[in-house]
Amino acid sequence: MPYYVYIILCEGNSFYTGYTKNLNARLKLHAKGKGARYTRMHRPQKLVHVEEYGTRPEAMRREKRIKKLNHAQKMRLTRSSRTLKTRKKLASSPYNRAGNG
């Protein structure tokens, strides 16, 4: 089963980065305020980036690298060609449905 590294745009134009096995379930937890302390304090607005990895260690390494990026670098990443390849996945996100961002 694949692992996903994802970036959520939160209130205040900040980013939250995480990894998970089940992206939809994790996004629902964030939306309910139960996904992470950060997203309880900075409400999630929109899923903006997803990457798929074959193993947990790969996903964890990538998450760590993304978290070290500054805001401008994360903005560029969310607009990258890799993000464009995941538009179908992004479109099905609970954050990207009508009325949610």
C-alpha atoms as a PDB file:
ATOM      1  CA  MET A   1       0.000   0.000   0.000  1.00  0.00           C
ATOM      2  CA  PRO A   2       1.427   3.420  -0.916  1.00  0.00           C
ATOM      3  CA  TYR A   3       2.163   6.275   1.453  1.00  0.00           C
ATOM      4  CA  TYR A   4       1.311   9.874   0.654  1.00  0.00           C
ATOM      5  CA  VAL A   5       3.125  13.072   1.537  1.00  0.00           C
ATOM      6  CA  TYR A   6       0.740  16.007   1.410  1.00  0.00           C
ATOM      7  CA  ILE A   7       0.674  19.758   1.911  1.00  0.00           C
ATOM      8  CA  ILE A   8      -2.404  21.607   3.118  1.00  0.00           C
ATOM      9  CA  LEU A   9      -2.824  25.363   2.817  1.00  0.00           C
ATOM     10  CA  CYS A  10      -4.145  26.600   6.157  1.00  0.00           C
ATOM     11  CA  GLU A  11      -5.674  29.828   7.478  1.00  0.00           C
ATOM     12  CA  GLY A  12      -3.194  32.658   7.503  1.00  0.00           C
ATOM     13  CA  ASN A  13      -1.585  31.362   4.296  1.00  0.00           C
ATOM     14  CA  SER A  14       0.548  28.850   6.213  1.00  0.00           C
ATOM     15  CA  PHE A  15       1.283  25.274   5.189  1.00  0.00           C
ATOM     16  CA  TYR A  16       0.929  21.978   7.009  1.00  0.00           C
ATOM     17  CA  THR A  17       2.904  18.991   5.711  1.00  0.00           C
ATOM     18  CA  GLY A  18       2.272  15.397   6.701  1.00  0.00           C
ATOM     19  CA  TYR A  19       2.350  11.805   5.495  1.00  0.00           C
ATOM     20  CA  THR A  20      -0.224   9.040   5.679  1.00  0.00           C
ATOM     21  CA  LYS A  21      -1.320   5.704   4.273  1.00  0.00           C
ATOM     22  CA  ASN A  22      -4.930   6.796   3.832  1.00  0.00           C
ATOM     23  CA  LEU A  23      -5.084  10.321   2.444  1.00  0.00           C
ATOM     24  CA  ASN A  24      -8.859  10.771   2.472  1.00  0.00           C
ATOM     25  CA  ALA A  25      -9.229   9.552   6.050  1.00  0.00           C
ATOM     26  CA  ARG A  26      -6.381  11.786   7.202  1.00  0.00           C
ATOM     27  CA  LEU A  27      -7.856  14.838   5.485  1.00  0.00           C
ATOM     28  CA  LYS A  28     -11.204  14.198   7.151  1.00  0.00           C
ATOM     29  CA  LEU A  29      -9.467  14.096  10.537  1.00  0.00           C
ATOM     30  CA  HIS A  30      -7.778  17.432   9.816  1.00  0.00           C
ATOM     31  CA  ALA A  31     -11.123  18.913   8.772  1.00  0.00           C
ATOM     32  CA  LYS A  32     -12.673  17.800  12.081  1.00  0.00           C
ATOM     33  CA  GLY A  33      -9.798  19.317  14.062  1.00  0.00           C
ATOM     34  CA  LYS A  34      -8.434  15.919  15.085  1.00  0.00           C
ATOM     35  CA  GLY A  35      -5.637  15.407  12.550  1.00  0.00           C
ATOM     36  CA  ALA A  36      -2.827  17.399  14.136  1.00  0.00           C
ATOM     37  CA  ARG A  37      -2.371  20.107  16.727  1.00  0.00           C
ATOM     38  CA  TYR A  38      -1.249  22.569  14.051  1.00  0.00           C
ATOM     39  CA  THR A  39      -4.392  22.123  11.961  1.00  0.00           C
ATOM     40  CA  ARG A  40      -6.566  22.556  15.066  1.00  0.00           C
ATOM     41  CA  MET A  41      -5.008  25.990  15.527  1.00  0.00           C
ATOM     42  CA  HIS A  42      -4.681  26.906  11.841  1.00  0.00           C
ATOM     43  CA  ARG A  43      -7.786  25.572  10.117  1.00  0.00           C
ATOM     44  CA  PRO A  44      -7.128  23.681   6.855  1.00  0.00           C
ATOM     45  CA  GLN A  45      -8.345  25.443   3.719  1.00  0.00           C
ATOM     46  CA  LYS A  46      -7.134  23.483   0.717  1.00  0.00           C
ATOM     47  CA  LEU A  47      -5.075  20.426  -0.197  1.00  0.00           C
ATOM     48  CA  VAL A  48      -2.403  21.825  -2.518  1.00  0.00           C
ATOM     49  CA  HIS A  49       0.150  19.052  -3.049  1.00  0.00           C
ATOM     50  CA  VAL A  50       0.366  15.244  -2.916  1.00  0.00           C
ATOM     51  CA  GLU A  51       3.232  12.859  -3.614  1.00  0.00           C
ATOM     52  CA  GLU A  52       3.046   9.057  -3.542  1.00  0.00           C
ATOM     53  CA  TYR A  53       5.793   6.785  -2.156  1.00  0.00           C
ATOM     54  CA  GLY A  54       6.127   3.024  -1.958  1.00  0.00           C
ATOM     55  CA  THR A  55       7.373   2.813   1.627  1.00  0.00           C
ATOM     56  CA  ARG A  56       6.910   4.592   4.931  1.00  0.00           C
ATOM     57  CA  PRO A  57      10.614   5.503   5.299  1.00  0.00           C
ATOM     58  CA  GLU A  58      10.589   7.168   1.852  1.00  0.00           C
ATOM     59  CA  ALA A  59       7.510   9.199   2.766  1.00  0.00           C
ATOM     60  CA  MET A  60       8.962  10.166   6.139  1.00  0.00           C
ATOM     61  CA  ARG A  61      12.213  11.360   4.540  1.00  0.00           C
ATOM     62  CA  ARG A  62      10.329  13.432   1.985  1.00  0.00           C
ATOM     63  CA  GLU A  63       8.071  14.956   4.655  1.00  0.00           C
ATOM     64  CA  LYS A  64      11.144  15.961   6.643  1.00  0.00           C
ATOM     65  CA  ARG A  65      12.755  17.579   3.573  1.00  0.00           C
ATOM     66  CA  ILE A  66       9.591  19.532   2.763  1.00  0.00           C
ATOM     67  CA  LYS A  67       9.269  20.765   6.348  1.00  0.00           C
ATOM     68  CA  LYS A  68      12.755  22.284   6.056  1.00  0.00           C
ATOM     69  CA  LEU A  69      11.702  24.418   3.063  1.00  0.00           C
ATOM     70  CA  ASN A  70      10.794  28.053   3.561  1.00  0.00           C
ATOM     71  CA  HIS A  71       7.378  29.405   2.596  1.00  0.00           C
ATOM     72  CA  ALA A  72       8.424  30.584  -0.877  1.00  0.00           C
ATOM     73  CA  GLN A  73       9.988  27.199  -1.651  1.00  0.00           C
ATOM     74  CA  LYS A  74       6.800  25.421  -0.559  1.00  0.00           C
ATOM     75  CA  MET A  75       4.763  27.753  -2.780  1.00  0.00           C
ATOM     76  CA  ARG A  76       6.933  26.804  -5.760  1.00  0.00           C
ATOM     77  CA  LEU A  77       6.596  23.119  -4.896  1.00  0.00           C
ATOM     78  CA  THR A  78       2.807  23.329  -4.783  1.00  0.00           C
ATOM     79  CA  ARG A  79       2.863  24.795  -8.292  1.00  0.00           C
ATOM     80  CA  SER A  80       5.313  22.223  -9.668  1.00  0.00           C
ATOM     81  CA  SER A  81       4.702  19.701 -12.443  1.00  0.00           C
ATOM     82  CA  ARG A  82       4.607  16.921  -9.850  1.00  0.00           C
ATOM     83  CA  THR A  83       1.542  18.590  -8.328  1.00  0.00           C
ATOM     84  CA  LEU A  84      -0.103  18.772 -11.746  1.00  0.00           C
ATOM     85  CA  LYS A  85       0.156  14.985 -12.013  1.00  0.00           C
ATOM     86  CA  THR A  86      -1.991  14.656  -8.899  1.00  0.00           C
ATOM     87  CA  ARG A  87      -4.847  16.974  -9.904  1.00  0.00           C
ATOM     88  CA  LYS A  88      -7.276  14.036 -10.051  1.00  0.00           C
ATOM     89  CA  LYS A  89      -6.414  13.094  -6.471  1.00  0.00           C
ATOM     90  CA  LEU A  90      -6.563  16.727  -5.359  1.00  0.00           C
ATOM     91  CA  ALA A  91      -9.955  17.214  -6.988  1.00  0.00           C
ATOM     92  CA  SER A  92     -11.445  14.459  -4.830  1.00  0.00           C
ATOM     93  CA  SER A  93     -10.164  16.028  -1.601  1.00  0.00           C
ATOM     94  CA  PRO A  94     -12.807  17.102   0.923  1.00  0.00           C
ATOM     95  CA  TYR A  95     -11.145  20.564   0.998  1.00  0.00           C
ATOM     96  CA  ASN A  96     -11.543  21.114  -2.709  1.00  0.00           C
ATOM     97  CA  ARG A  97     -15.268  20.526  -2.975  1.00  0.00           C
ATOM     98  CA  ALA A  98     -17.704  23.422  -3.358  1.00  0.00           C
ATOM     99  CA  GLY A  99     -17.814  25.598  -0.261  1.00  0.00           C
ATOM    100  CA  ASN A 100     -14.646  24.239   1.310  1.00  0.00           C
ATOM    101  CA  GLY A 101     -11.958  26.340  -0.276  1.00  0.00           C
END
